Amino acid sequence: MKIQNPKPISQIREEERILAEKEVKIAQLDAETQTLKEQNAVMQETINFLLGL
């Protein structure tokens, strides 16, 4: 089986670099999401306490 229209190595490396950057950004956003969820839980507990629930 022959590969049709193979990509140049430079293009593949560029795509790998972009993918790595995106993976880093996803990890950062996941961490931020977790922090926000934790903050939300604390705020909800505080609200419930203040409302006497």
PDB file of N, CA and C in Angstrom:
ATOM      1  N   MET A   1       0.845  -1.180   0.000  1.00  0.00           N
ATOM      2  CA  MET A   1       0.000   0.000   0.000  1.00  0.00           C
ATOM      3  C   MET A   1       0.887   1.239   0.000  1.00  0.00           C
ATOM      4  N   LYS A   2       0.648   2.121  -0.911  1.00  0.00           N
ATOM      5  CA  LYS A   2       1.455   3.329  -1.042  1.00  0.00           C
ATOM      6  C   LYS A   2       0.688   4.522  -0.480  1.00  0.00           C
ATOM      7  N   ILE A   3       1.397   5.346   0.280  1.00  0.00           N
ATOM      8  CA  ILE A   3       0.777   6.548   0.843  1.00  0.00           C
ATOM      9  C   ILE A   3       0.621   7.566  -0.278  1.00  0.00           C
ATOM     10  N   GLN A   4      -0.569   8.100  -0.385  1.00  0.00           N
ATOM     11  CA  GLN A   4      -0.824   9.104  -1.410  1.00  0.00           C
ATOM     12  C   GLN A   4      -0.617  10.484  -0.814  1.00  0.00           C
ATOM     13  N   ASN A   5       0.053  11.331  -1.530  1.00  0.00           N
ATOM     14  CA  ASN A   5       0.311  12.705  -1.101  1.00  0.00           C
ATOM     15  C   ASN A   5       0.863  12.777   0.321  1.00  0.00           C
ATOM     16  N   PRO A   6       2.033  12.172   0.566  1.00  0.00           N
ATOM     17  CA  PRO A   6       2.592  12.229   1.922  1.00  0.00           C
ATOM     18  C   PRO A   6       2.925  13.670   2.312  1.00  0.00           C
ATOM     19  N   LYS A   7       2.779  13.949   3.603  1.00  0.00           N
ATOM     20  CA  LYS A   7       3.089  15.292   4.096  1.00  0.00           C
ATOM     21  C   LYS A   7       4.598  15.419   4.281  1.00  0.00           C
ATOM     22  N   PRO A   8       5.109  16.612   4.051  1.00  0.00           N
ATOM     23  CA  PRO A   8       6.534  16.827   4.343  1.00  0.00           C
ATOM     24  C   PRO A   8       6.791  16.690   5.848  1.00  0.00           C
ATOM     25  N   ILE A   9       7.979  16.245   6.188  1.00  0.00           N
ATOM     26  CA  ILE A   9       8.328  16.071   7.598  1.00  0.00           C
ATOM     27  C   ILE A   9       8.169  17.381   8.359  1.00  0.00           C
ATOM     28  N   SER A  10       8.507  18.492   7.743  1.00  0.00           N
ATOM     29  CA  SER A  10       8.381  19.788   8.426  1.00  0.00           C
ATOM     30  C   SER A  10       6.925  20.075   8.792  1.00  0.00           C
ATOM     31  N   GLN A  11       6.011  19.701   7.930  1.00  0.00           N
ATOM     32  CA  GLN A  11       4.587  19.915   8.213  1.00  0.00           C
ATOM     33  C   GLN A  11       4.128  19.006   9.348  1.00  0.00           C
ATOM     34  N   ILE A  12       4.592  17.771   9.337  1.00  0.00           N
ATOM     35  CA  ILE A  12       4.240  16.830  10.402  1.00  0.00           C
ATOM     36  C   ILE A  12       4.764  17.343  11.737  1.00  0.00           C
ATOM     37  N   ARG A  13       5.998  17.829  11.758  1.00  0.00           N
ATOM     38  CA  ARG A  13       6.577  18.356  13.006  1.00  0.00           C
ATOM     39  C   ARG A  13       5.812  19.575  13.494  1.00  0.00           C
ATOM     40  N   GLU A  14       5.402  20.432  12.573  1.00  0.00           N
ATOM     41  CA  GLU A  14       4.623  21.614  12.943  1.00  0.00           C
ATOM     42  C   GLU A  14       3.281  21.192  13.542  1.00  0.00           C
ATOM     43  N   GLU A  15       2.644  20.205  12.935  1.00  0.00           N
ATOM     44  CA  GLU A  15       1.373  19.708  13.460  1.00  0.00           C
ATOM     45  C   GLU A  15       1.559  19.082  14.840  1.00  0.00           C
ATOM     46  N   GLU A  16       2.669  18.369  15.039  1.00  0.00           N
ATOM     47  CA  GLU A  16       2.961  17.782  16.348  1.00  0.00           C
ATOM     48  C   GLU A  16       3.169  18.877  17.392  1.00  0.00           C
ATOM     49  N   ARG A  17       3.855  19.950  17.023  1.00  0.00           N
ATOM     50  CA  ARG A  17       4.103  21.068  17.934  1.00  0.00           C
ATOM     51  C   ARG A  17       2.782  21.725  18.332  1.00  0.00           C
ATOM     52  N   ILE A  18       1.925  21.951  17.337  1.00  0.00           N
ATOM     53  CA  ILE A  18       0.618  22.564  17.601  1.00  0.00           C
ATOM     54  C   ILE A  18      -0.212  21.657  18.508  1.00  0.00           C
ATOM     55  N   LEU A  19      -0.185  20.365  18.240  1.00  0.00           N
ATOM     56  CA  LEU A  19      -0.929  19.412  19.066  1.00  0.00           C
ATOM     57  C   LEU A  19      -0.419  19.433  20.504  1.00  0.00           C
ATOM     58  N   ALA A  20       0.891  19.484  20.683  1.00  0.00           N
ATOM     59  CA  ALA A  20       1.466  19.539  22.032  1.00  0.00           C
ATOM     60  C   ALA A  20       1.021  20.802  22.756  1.00  0.00           C
ATOM     61  N   GLU A  21       0.997  21.933  22.050  1.00  0.00           N
ATOM     62  CA  GLU A  21       0.533  23.187  22.653  1.00  0.00           C
ATOM     63  C   GLU A  21      -0.931  23.072  23.078  1.00  0.00           C
ATOM     64  N   LYS A  22      -1.735  22.446  22.230  1.00  0.00           N
ATOM     65  CA  LYS A  22      -3.153  22.275  22.554  1.00  0.00           C
ATOM     66  C   LYS A  22      -3.328  21.368  23.763  1.00  0.00           C
ATOM     67  N   GLU A  23      -2.512  20.322  23.861  1.00  0.00           N
ATOM     68  CA  GLU A  23      -2.597  19.416  25.007  1.00  0.00           C
ATOM     69  C   GLU A  23      -2.240  20.143  26.302  1.00  0.00           C
ATOM     70  N   VAL A  24      -1.240  21.028  26.241  1.00  0.00           N
ATOM     71  CA  VAL A  24      -0.870  21.827  27.414  1.00  0.00           C
ATOM     72  C   VAL A  24      -2.028  22.738  27.802  1.00  0.00           C
ATOM     73  N   LYS A  25      -2.635  23.385  26.820  1.00  0.00           N
ATOM     74  CA  LYS A  25      -3.762  24.286  27.091  1.00  0.00           C
ATOM     75  C   LYS A  25      -4.931  23.516  27.700  1.00  0.00           C
ATOM     76  N   ILE A  26      -5.211  22.326  27.182  1.00  0.00           N
ATOM     77  CA  ILE A  26      -6.289  21.500  27.730  1.00  0.00           C
ATOM     78  C   ILE A  26      -6.000  21.161  29.191  1.00  0.00           C
ATOM     79  N   ALA A  27      -4.757  20.807  29.497  1.00  0.00           N
ATOM     80  CA  ALA A  27      -4.394  20.491  30.881  1.00  0.00           C
ATOM     81  C   ALA A  27      -4.585  21.707  31.782  1.00  0.00           C
ATOM     82  N   GLN A  28      -4.211  22.892  31.285  1.00  0.00           N
ATOM     83  CA  GLN A  28      -4.398  24.121  32.064  1.00  0.00           C
ATOM     84  C   GLN A  28      -5.882  24.378  32.309  1.00  0.00           C
ATOM     85  N   LEU A  29      -6.688  24.226  31.276  1.00  0.00           N
ATOM     86  CA  LEU A  29      -8.125  24.461  31.414  1.00  0.00           C
ATOM     87  C   LEU A  29      -8.770  23.436  32.345  1.00  0.00           C
ATOM     88  N   ASP A  30      -8.308  22.190  32.283  1.00  0.00           N
ATOM     89  CA  ASP A  30      -8.819  21.170  33.199  1.00  0.00           C
ATOM     90  C   ASP A  30      -8.514  21.550  34.646  1.00  0.00           C
ATOM     91  N   ALA A  31      -7.297  22.043  34.889  1.00  0.00           N
ATOM     92  CA  ALA A  31      -6.914  22.457  36.240  1.00  0.00           C
ATOM     93  C   ALA A  31      -7.759  23.643  36.697  1.00  0.00           C
ATOM     94  N   GLU A  32      -7.963  24.609  35.809  1.00  0.00           N
ATOM     95  CA  GLU A  32      -8.802  25.767  36.142  1.00  0.00           C
ATOM     96  C   GLU A  32     -10.237  25.330  36.438  1.00  0.00           C
ATOM     97  N   THR A  33     -10.742  24.408  35.647  1.00  0.00           N
ATOM     98  CA  THR A  33     -12.102  23.905  35.851  1.00  0.00           C
ATOM     99  C   THR A  33     -12.224  23.251  37.221  1.00  0.00           C
ATOM    100  N   GLN A  34     -11.239  22.453  37.587  1.00  0.00           N
ATOM    101  CA  GLN A  34     -11.272  21.790  38.890  1.00  0.00           C
ATOM    102  C   GLN A  34     -11.254  22.823  40.013  1.00  0.00           C
ATOM    103  N   THR A  35     -10.420  23.843  39.884  1.00  0.00           N
ATOM    104  CA  THR A  35     -10.359  24.907  40.892  1.00  0.00           C
ATOM    105  C   THR A  35     -11.700  25.608  41.012  1.00  0.00           C
ATOM    106  N   LEU A  36     -12.318  25.923  39.890  1.00  0.00           N
ATOM    107  CA  LEU A  36     -13.618  26.597  39.911  1.00  0.00           C
ATOM    108  C   LEU A  36     -14.697  25.716  40.536  1.00  0.00           C
ATOM    109  N   LYS A  37     -14.647  24.424  40.262  1.00  0.00           N
ATOM    110  CA  LYS A  37     -15.622  23.507  40.862  1.00  0.00           C
ATOM    111  C   LYS A  37     -15.464  23.482  42.380  1.00  0.00           C
ATOM    112  N   GLU A  38     -14.204  23.481  42.838  1.00  0.00           N
ATOM    113  CA  GLU A  38     -13.952  23.483  44.278  1.00  0.00           C
ATOM    114  C   GLU A  38     -14.440  24.785  44.907  1.00  0.00           C
ATOM    115  N   GLN A  39     -14.169  25.902  44.251  1.00  0.00           N
ATOM    116  CA  GLN A  39     -14.628  27.196  44.762  1.00  0.00           C
ATOM    117  C   GLN A  39     -16.155  27.248  44.785  1.00  0.00           C
ATOM    118  N   ASN A  40     -16.775  26.704  43.763  1.00  0.00           N
ATOM    119  CA  ASN A  40     -18.231  26.674  43.696  1.00  0.00           C
ATOM    120  C   ASN A  40     -18.809  25.869  44.856  1.00  0.00           C
ATOM    121  N   ALA A  41     -18.190  24.746  45.160  1.00  0.00           N
ATOM    122  CA  ALA A  41     -18.674  23.909  46.257  1.00  0.00           C
ATOM    123  C   ALA A  41     -18.580  24.659  47.584  1.00  0.00           C
ATOM    124  N   VAL A  42     -17.481  25.373  47.794  1.00  0.00           N
ATOM    125  CA  VAL A  42     -17.315  26.144  49.030  1.00  0.00           C
ATOM    126  C   VAL A  42     -18.368  27.240  49.106  1.00  0.00           C
ATOM    127  N   MET A  43     -18.587  27.937  48.006  1.00  0.00           N
ATOM    128  CA  MET A  43     -19.599  29.000  47.997  1.00  0.00           C
ATOM    129  C   MET A  43     -20.988  28.429  48.257  1.00  0.00           C
ATOM    130  N   GLN A  44     -21.285  27.274  47.681  1.00  0.00           N
ATOM    131  CA  GLN A  44     -22.596  26.655  47.887  1.00  0.00           C
ATOM    132  C   GLN A  44     -22.789  26.268  49.345  1.00  0.00           C
ATOM    133  N   GLU A  45     -21.733  25.720  49.959  1.00  0.00           N
ATOM    134  CA  GLU A  45     -21.816  25.376  51.379  1.00  0.00           C
ATOM    135  C   GLU A  45     -22.048  26.626  52.219  1.00  0.00           C
ATOM    136  N   THR A  46     -21.368  27.710  51.900  1.00  0.00           N
ATOM    137  CA  THR A  46     -21.528  28.969  52.631  1.00  0.00           C
ATOM    138  C   THR A  46     -22.946  29.503  52.483  1.00  0.00           C
ATOM    139  N   ILE A  47     -23.460  29.474  51.272  1.00  0.00           N
ATOM    140  CA  ILE A  47     -24.832  29.943  51.024  1.00  0.00           C
ATOM    141  C   ILE A  47     -25.828  29.098  51.803  1.00  0.00           C
ATOM    142  N   ASN A  48     -25.647  27.788  51.749  1.00  0.00           N
ATOM    143  CA  ASN A  48     -26.550  26.896  52.485  1.00  0.00           C
ATOM    144  C   ASN A  48     -26.497  27.187  53.982  1.00  0.00           C
ATOM    145  N   PHE A  49     -25.291  27.427  54.505  1.00  0.00           N
ATOM    146  CA  PHE A  49     -25.145  27.741  55.925  1.00  0.00           C
ATOM    147  C   PHE A  49     -25.865  29.045  56.258  1.00  0.00           C
ATOM    148  N   LEU A  50     -25.652  30.063  55.421  1.00  0.00           N
ATOM    149  CA  LEU A  50     -26.272  31.366  55.676  1.00  0.00           C
ATOM    150  C   LEU A  50     -27.793  31.305  55.577  1.00  0.00           C
ATOM    151  N   LEU A  51     -28.284  30.448  54.706  1.00  0.00           N
ATOM    152  CA  LEU A  51     -29.737  30.303  54.557  1.00  0.00           C
ATOM    153  C   LEU A  51     -30.325  29.337  55.586  1.00  0.00           C
ATOM    154  N   GLY A  52     -29.433  28.694  56.336  1.00  0.00           N
ATOM    155  CA  GLY A  52     -29.897  27.760  57.360  1.00  0.00           C
ATOM    156  C   GLY A  52     -30.389  26.448  56.795  1.00  0.00           C
ATOM    157  N   LEU A  53     -29.854  26.051  55.654  1.00  0.00           N
ATOM    158  CA  LEU A  53     -30.286  24.791  55.033  1.00  0.00           C
ATOM    159  C   LEU A  53     -29.477  23.619  55.558  1.00  0.00           C
TER     160      LEU A  53
END
